[in-house]
Amino acid sequence: MQQAIDTIVTQTEGQGFYDLTHALRSFVAQSGLNTGLLTAYVRHTSCSLLIQENADPDVQADLLGFFRRLVPEGMDWVAHANEGPDDMPAHIKAALTQTSIGIPVSGSRPVLGTWQGLYLFEHRHQRHRREIVLHIIGD
């Protein structure tokens, strides 16, 4: 068994989806591993990772709308409000999604479906520098 690890950095411009698929594929190719398990992990508590459709941008727009309705800003019952009205909703959205994803690797490529991509799902309005750790183990 061999392994490789790297951290990719992305600058977000506010709430939305940021495609990490190309960086993921590059990392796997550069690792030299043919078969294994890739883990992607985001090192933050107000964004998350999703594998989602990459063909129709309406999917991302609908997901943003769904989460805005599910966890709206301005909830008067939250205690953690000192970082702005979008902060606690961002933490809740991150808790409902995921900060780590495992993806099989075969043929030196992540095994993603035809219409799947890996996305950073930014839950805050402000710009943020986000770090995503990629780790692969295999042969």
Protein backbone atom coordinates (compact mmCIF):
# COMPACT_ATOMS: atom_id res chain seq x y z
CA MET A 1 0.00 0.00 0.00
CA GLN A 2 1.09 3.53 -0.79
CA GLN A 3 -0.45 6.86 0.03
CA ALA A 4 -0.29 10.51 -0.91
CA ILE A 5 -1.67 13.66 0.67
CA ASP A 6 -2.04 17.25 -0.46
CA THR A 7 -4.03 20.36 0.38
CA ILE A 8 -5.78 22.37 -2.27
CA VAL A 9 -6.90 25.92 -1.61
CA THR A 10 -9.87 27.65 -3.18
CA GLN A 11 -11.04 31.22 -2.78
CA THR A 12 -14.81 31.51 -2.55
CA GLU A 13 -16.79 34.58 -3.56
CA GLY A 14 -19.83 33.94 -1.37
CA GLN A 15 -22.53 31.32 -1.10
CA GLY A 16 -22.53 28.76 -3.85
CA PHE A 17 -20.85 25.73 -5.35
CA TYR A 18 -17.18 25.62 -6.32
CA ASP A 19 -16.12 22.77 -8.59
CA LEU A 20 -13.14 20.79 -7.26
CA THR A 21 -13.37 17.93 -9.74
CA HIS A 22 -10.40 18.96 -11.90
CA ALA A 23 -8.14 19.38 -8.86
CA LEU A 24 -9.32 16.00 -7.56
CA ARG A 25 -8.53 14.27 -10.85
CA SER A 26 -5.12 15.96 -11.08
CA PHE A 27 -4.22 14.87 -7.55
CA VAL A 28 -5.14 11.24 -8.26
CA ALA A 29 -3.19 11.23 -11.55
CA GLN A 30 -0.10 12.73 -9.89
CA SER A 31 -0.26 10.24 -7.01
CA GLY A 32 0.70 7.41 -9.36
CA LEU A 33 -1.80 5.09 -7.69
CA ASN A 34 -4.06 2.93 -9.83
CA THR A 35 -6.56 1.59 -7.29
CA GLY A 36 -7.52 2.82 -3.87
CA LEU A 37 -9.65 5.14 -1.79
CA LEU A 38 -9.53 8.89 -1.99
CA THR A 39 -10.73 11.00 0.91
CA ALA A 40 -11.56 14.69 0.50
CA TYR A 41 -11.87 16.66 3.75
CA VAL A 42 -12.66 20.35 4.18
CA ARG A 43 -10.98 22.01 7.19
CA HIS A 44 -13.79 24.44 8.03
CA THR A 45 -17.12 24.47 9.89
CA SER A 46 -19.17 26.83 7.71
CA CYS A 47 -18.83 25.08 4.34
CA SER A 48 -19.09 21.48 3.22
CA LEU A 49 -18.40 19.04 0.41
CA LEU A 50 -20.96 17.52 -1.94
CA ILE A 51 -20.90 15.16 -4.87
CA GLN A 52 -23.52 16.61 -7.14
CA GLU A 53 -24.67 16.86 -10.75
CA ASN A 54 -22.32 18.84 -12.95
CA ALA A 55 -24.45 19.11 -16.10
CA ASP A 56 -27.40 21.38 -15.29
CA PRO A 57 -26.71 24.56 -13.26
CA ASP A 58 -30.38 24.59 -12.20
CA VAL A 59 -29.53 21.75 -9.80
CA GLN A 60 -27.12 23.99 -7.90
CA ALA A 61 -29.57 26.91 -7.92
CA ASP A 62 -32.33 24.67 -6.58
CA LEU A 63 -30.05 23.28 -3.84
CA LEU A 64 -29.11 26.82 -2.77
CA GLY A 65 -32.79 27.75 -2.65
CA PHE A 66 -33.65 24.62 -0.67
CA PHE A 67 -30.99 25.24 1.97
CA ARG A 68 -31.96 28.93 2.25
CA ARG A 69 -35.52 27.84 3.02
CA LEU A 70 -34.48 24.99 5.29
CA VAL A 71 -32.04 27.10 7.34
CA PRO A 72 -32.95 30.77 6.89
CA GLU A 73 -30.97 33.70 8.23
CA GLY A 74 -32.52 35.75 11.01
CA MET A 75 -33.54 32.89 13.28
CA ASP A 76 -34.13 34.77 16.54
CA TRP A 77 -33.52 31.73 18.74
CA VAL A 78 -29.81 31.27 17.90
CA ALA A 79 -27.25 32.32 20.51
CA HIS A 80 -24.18 32.35 18.23
CA ALA A 81 -24.69 35.58 16.29
CA ASN A 82 -21.49 37.58 16.84
CA GLU A 83 -20.02 36.67 13.41
CA GLY A 84 -22.97 37.87 11.37
CA PRO A 85 -26.46 36.66 10.47
CA ASP A 86 -25.16 34.04 8.00
CA ASP A 87 -22.70 32.36 10.39
CA MET A 88 -24.91 30.12 12.51
CA PRO A 89 -27.04 29.11 9.51
CA ALA A 90 -23.75 28.21 7.77
CA HIS A 91 -22.77 25.95 10.69
CA ILE A 92 -26.18 24.25 10.59
CA LYS A 93 -25.95 23.69 6.82
CA ALA A 94 -22.47 22.21 7.24
CA ALA A 95 -23.82 19.90 9.99
CA LEU A 96 -26.59 18.72 7.63
CA THR A 97 -24.21 17.97 4.77
CA GLN A 98 -20.66 16.60 5.08
CA THR A 99 -17.09 17.72 5.60
CA SER A 100 -15.50 14.48 4.37
CA ILE A 101 -16.20 12.29 1.35
CA GLY A 102 -14.67 8.95 0.33
CA ILE A 103 -14.36 8.25 -3.40
CA PRO A 104 -13.09 4.97 -4.90
CA VAL A 105 -10.20 5.15 -7.35
CA SER A 106 -9.79 2.77 -10.27
CA GLY A 107 -7.64 3.05 -13.37
CA SER A 108 -5.88 6.06 -11.80
CA ARG A 109 -9.14 8.04 -11.84
CA PRO A 110 -11.76 8.89 -9.23
CA VAL A 111 -14.80 6.68 -9.81
CA LEU A 112 -17.42 9.38 -10.36
CA GLY A 113 -20.62 8.97 -12.32
CA THR A 114 -21.05 10.56 -15.73
CA TRP A 115 -22.82 13.63 -14.34
CA GLN A 116 -21.07 13.82 -10.96
CA GLY A 117 -18.58 16.36 -9.71
CA LEU A 118 -17.07 17.21 -6.33
CA TYR A 119 -18.03 20.62 -5.03
CA LEU A 120 -17.15 22.84 -2.13
CA PHE A 121 -20.50 24.13 -0.89
CA GLU A 122 -19.85 27.59 0.59
CA HIS A 123 -22.47 28.64 3.13
CA ARG A 124 -21.16 32.14 3.98
CA HIS A 125 -21.77 35.40 2.09
CA GLN A 126 -18.23 36.75 2.46
CA ARG A 127 -15.15 35.68 0.54
CA HIS A 128 -13.24 32.87 2.24
CA ARG A 129 -10.00 31.01 1.66
CA ARG A 130 -10.93 27.34 2.00
CA GLU A 131 -8.55 24.41 2.43
CA ILE A 132 -9.45 20.92 1.26
CA VAL A 133 -7.18 18.03 2.21
CA LEU A 134 -6.94 15.20 -0.30
CA HIS A 135 -5.61 11.83 0.83
CA ILE A 136 -5.33 8.65 -1.23
CA ILE A 137 -4.32 5.19 -0.14
CA GLY A 138 -3.95 2.24 -2.47
CA ASP A 139 -1.74 0.51 -4.99
